[in-house]
Amino acid sequence: MAGEKKGFGGKAGRFMKETRSELKKVIWPNRKELVSFTSVVFVAVILAALLIFVFDLAFGRMLGLIIG
């Protein structure tokens, strides 16, 4: 591109300009959607943690029976 600055400063400036432009295109969630999505994530994390806990407990007991 003609007239474009080269080097780190020019690239960083262009990156920031393009980033601002892309952020203007984002459709941000409203408060109700945000609370809903956050709740889904919390529930998923809790379920995953419980599943990992159950498998860890089961494998630990099996290993204890095998070793001990």
N, C-alpha and C. Protein backbone atom coordinates (compact mmCIF):
# COMPACT_ATOMS: atom_id res chain seq x y z
N MET A 1 0.84 -1.18 0.00
CA MET A 1 0.00 0.00 0.00
C MET A 1 0.88 1.23 0.00
N ALA A 2 0.58 2.14 -0.87
CA ALA A 2 1.39 3.33 -1.02
C ALA A 2 1.19 4.27 0.17
N GLY A 3 2.26 4.86 0.66
CA GLY A 3 2.19 5.83 1.73
C GLY A 3 2.00 5.23 3.11
N GLU A 4 2.01 3.91 3.18
CA GLU A 4 1.83 3.27 4.48
C GLU A 4 3.16 3.21 5.23
N LYS A 5 3.11 3.50 6.53
CA LYS A 5 4.32 3.44 7.34
C LYS A 5 4.76 1.99 7.47
N LYS A 6 6.06 1.81 7.47
CA LYS A 6 6.59 0.47 7.67
C LYS A 6 7.17 0.39 9.06
N GLY A 7 7.44 -0.81 9.48
CA GLY A 7 8.00 -1.00 10.80
C GLY A 7 6.93 -1.27 11.84
N PHE A 8 7.37 -1.40 13.07
CA PHE A 8 6.47 -1.77 14.17
C PHE A 8 5.39 -0.73 14.41
N GLY A 9 5.75 0.55 14.42
CA GLY A 9 4.77 1.61 14.71
C GLY A 9 3.64 1.64 13.70
N GLY A 10 3.97 1.52 12.44
CA GLY A 10 2.95 1.54 11.40
C GLY A 10 2.04 0.32 11.46
N LYS A 11 2.66 -0.84 11.71
CA LYS A 11 1.87 -2.08 11.80
C LYS A 11 0.98 -2.06 13.03
N ALA A 12 1.49 -1.56 14.15
CA ALA A 12 0.71 -1.51 15.38
C ALA A 12 -0.47 -0.54 15.22
N GLY A 13 -0.21 0.60 14.59
CA GLY A 13 -1.29 1.56 14.37
C GLY A 13 -2.38 1.00 13.47
N ARG A 14 -1.97 0.32 12.41
CA ARG A 14 -2.93 -0.30 11.50
C ARG A 14 -3.73 -1.38 12.22
N PHE A 15 -3.05 -2.17 13.04
CA PHE A 15 -3.72 -3.22 13.81
C PHE A 15 -4.79 -2.63 14.73
N MET A 16 -4.43 -1.54 15.44
CA MET A 16 -5.39 -0.90 16.36
C MET A 16 -6.59 -0.34 15.60
N LYS A 17 -6.35 0.26 14.44
CA LYS A 17 -7.43 0.82 13.63
C LYS A 17 -8.37 -0.28 13.15
N GLU A 18 -7.81 -1.39 12.69
CA GLU A 18 -8.63 -2.50 12.23
C GLU A 18 -9.38 -3.16 13.39
N THR A 19 -8.74 -3.22 14.55
CA THR A 19 -9.40 -3.79 15.73
C THR A 19 -10.61 -2.96 16.13
N ARG A 20 -10.46 -1.64 16.18
CA ARG A 20 -11.59 -0.76 16.50
C ARG A 20 -12.72 -0.95 15.49
N SER A 21 -12.35 -1.07 14.23
CA SER A 21 -13.35 -1.25 13.17
C SER A 21 -14.12 -2.55 13.37
N GLU A 22 -13.42 -3.63 13.73
CA GLU A 22 -14.09 -4.92 13.95
C GLU A 22 -14.96 -4.89 15.20
N LEU A 23 -14.51 -4.20 16.25
CA LEU A 23 -15.30 -4.13 17.48
C LEU A 23 -16.62 -3.39 17.27
N LYS A 24 -16.66 -2.47 16.32
CA LYS A 24 -17.90 -1.76 16.01
C LYS A 24 -18.93 -2.69 15.38
N LYS A 25 -18.47 -3.79 14.78
CA LYS A 25 -19.36 -4.75 14.12
C LYS A 25 -19.95 -5.76 15.09
N VAL A 26 -19.38 -5.85 16.28
CA VAL A 26 -19.82 -6.85 17.25
C VAL A 26 -21.20 -6.51 17.79
N ILE A 27 -22.04 -7.53 17.90
CA ILE A 27 -23.35 -7.36 18.52
C ILE A 27 -23.20 -7.83 19.96
N TRP A 28 -23.18 -6.88 20.90
CA TRP A 28 -22.96 -7.20 22.30
C TRP A 28 -24.24 -7.69 22.93
N PRO A 29 -24.16 -8.69 23.83
CA PRO A 29 -25.38 -9.19 24.47
C PRO A 29 -25.94 -8.18 25.47
N ASN A 30 -27.27 -8.20 25.61
CA ASN A 30 -27.87 -7.35 26.63
C ASN A 30 -27.74 -8.03 28.00
N ARG A 31 -28.20 -7.37 29.04
CA ARG A 31 -28.01 -7.89 30.40
C ARG A 31 -28.67 -9.26 30.59
N LYS A 32 -29.89 -9.43 30.07
CA LYS A 32 -30.61 -10.69 30.22
C LYS A 32 -29.85 -11.83 29.55
N GLU A 33 -29.36 -11.60 28.35
CA GLU A 33 -28.60 -12.63 27.63
C GLU A 33 -27.29 -12.94 28.36
N LEU A 34 -26.65 -11.91 28.86
CA LEU A 34 -25.38 -12.09 29.56
C LEU A 34 -25.55 -12.96 30.80
N VAL A 35 -26.59 -12.68 31.58
CA VAL A 35 -26.86 -13.47 32.79
C VAL A 35 -27.19 -14.91 32.40
N SER A 36 -27.97 -15.07 31.35
CA SER A 36 -28.35 -16.41 30.89
C SER A 36 -27.12 -17.20 30.43
N PHE A 37 -26.29 -16.60 29.60
CA PHE A 37 -25.09 -17.28 29.10
C PHE A 37 -24.12 -17.61 30.24
N THR A 38 -23.97 -16.69 31.17
CA THR A 38 -23.08 -16.91 32.31
C THR A 38 -23.59 -18.06 33.16
N SER A 39 -24.88 -18.14 33.36
CA SER A 39 -25.47 -19.24 34.13
C SER A 39 -25.20 -20.58 33.45
N VAL A 40 -25.36 -20.62 32.15
CA VAL A 40 -25.10 -21.86 31.40
C VAL A 40 -23.64 -22.28 31.58
N VAL A 41 -22.72 -21.34 31.51
CA VAL A 41 -21.31 -21.65 31.67
C VAL A 41 -21.03 -22.18 33.08
N PHE A 42 -21.59 -21.53 34.10
CA PHE A 42 -21.38 -21.99 35.48
C PHE A 42 -21.91 -23.41 35.67
N VAL A 43 -23.10 -23.68 35.17
CA VAL A 43 -23.68 -25.02 35.30
C VAL A 43 -22.80 -26.05 34.58
N ALA A 44 -22.34 -25.73 33.38
CA ALA A 44 -21.48 -26.64 32.63
C ALA A 44 -20.17 -26.91 33.36
N VAL A 45 -19.59 -25.89 33.95
CA VAL A 45 -18.33 -26.06 34.69
C VAL A 45 -18.56 -26.93 35.92
N ILE A 46 -19.65 -26.70 36.63
CA ILE A 46 -19.95 -27.50 37.83
C ILE A 46 -20.17 -28.97 37.45
N LEU A 47 -20.93 -29.21 36.38
CA LEU A 47 -21.16 -30.58 35.93
C LEU A 47 -19.86 -31.26 35.50
N ALA A 48 -19.02 -30.55 34.78
CA ALA A 48 -17.73 -31.11 34.36
C ALA A 48 -16.86 -31.42 35.58
N ALA A 49 -16.84 -30.53 36.56
CA ALA A 49 -16.05 -30.76 37.77
C ALA A 49 -16.56 -31.98 38.53
N LEU A 50 -17.88 -32.12 38.63
CA LEU A 50 -18.45 -33.29 39.30
C LEU A 50 -18.12 -34.59 38.56
N LEU A 51 -18.18 -34.55 37.25
CA LEU A 51 -17.85 -35.72 36.45
C LEU A 51 -16.38 -36.11 36.65
N ILE A 52 -15.50 -35.14 36.61
CA ILE A 52 -14.08 -35.42 36.83
C ILE A 52 -13.85 -35.95 38.24
N PHE A 53 -14.54 -35.40 39.23
CA PHE A 53 -14.42 -35.85 40.61
C PHE A 53 -14.85 -37.32 40.74
N VAL A 54 -15.98 -37.67 40.12
CA VAL A 54 -16.48 -39.04 40.20
C VAL A 54 -15.50 -40.01 39.55
N PHE A 55 -15.00 -39.68 38.37
CA PHE A 55 -14.03 -40.55 37.70
C PHE A 55 -12.74 -40.66 38.50
N ASP A 56 -12.27 -39.56 39.05
CA ASP A 56 -11.05 -39.57 39.86
C ASP A 56 -11.24 -40.46 41.09
N LEU A 57 -12.37 -40.33 41.74
CA LEU A 57 -12.67 -41.14 42.92
C LEU A 57 -12.73 -42.62 42.55
N ALA A 58 -13.42 -42.94 41.45
CA ALA A 58 -13.55 -44.34 41.02
C ALA A 58 -12.19 -44.93 40.66
N PHE A 59 -11.41 -44.21 39.87
CA PHE A 59 -10.09 -44.73 39.47
C PHE A 59 -9.15 -44.83 40.66
N GLY A 60 -9.26 -43.89 41.58
CA GLY A 60 -8.43 -43.94 42.79
C GLY A 60 -8.74 -45.16 43.63
N ARG A 61 -10.02 -45.46 43.79
CA ARG A 61 -10.42 -46.65 44.56
C ARG A 61 -9.99 -47.93 43.86
N MET A 62 -10.15 -47.98 42.52
CA MET A 62 -9.71 -49.16 41.77
C MET A 62 -8.21 -49.37 41.90
N LEU A 63 -7.48 -48.29 41.79
CA LEU A 63 -6.02 -48.38 41.93
C LEU A 63 -5.64 -48.81 43.34
N GLY A 64 -6.36 -48.32 44.32
CA GLY A 64 -6.12 -48.73 45.70
C GLY A 64 -6.37 -50.22 45.90
N LEU A 65 -7.41 -50.75 45.26
CA LEU A 65 -7.68 -52.19 45.35
C LEU A 65 -6.62 -53.01 44.65
N ILE A 66 -6.13 -52.51 43.52
CA ILE A 66 -5.11 -53.24 42.78
C ILE A 66 -3.79 -53.24 43.53
N ILE A 67 -3.38 -52.08 44.03
CA ILE A 67 -2.10 -51.94 44.71
C ILE A 67 -2.14 -52.50 46.13
N GLY A 68 -3.19 -52.13 46.86
CA GLY A 68 -3.21 -52.45 48.29
C GLY A 68 -3.95 -53.72 48.56
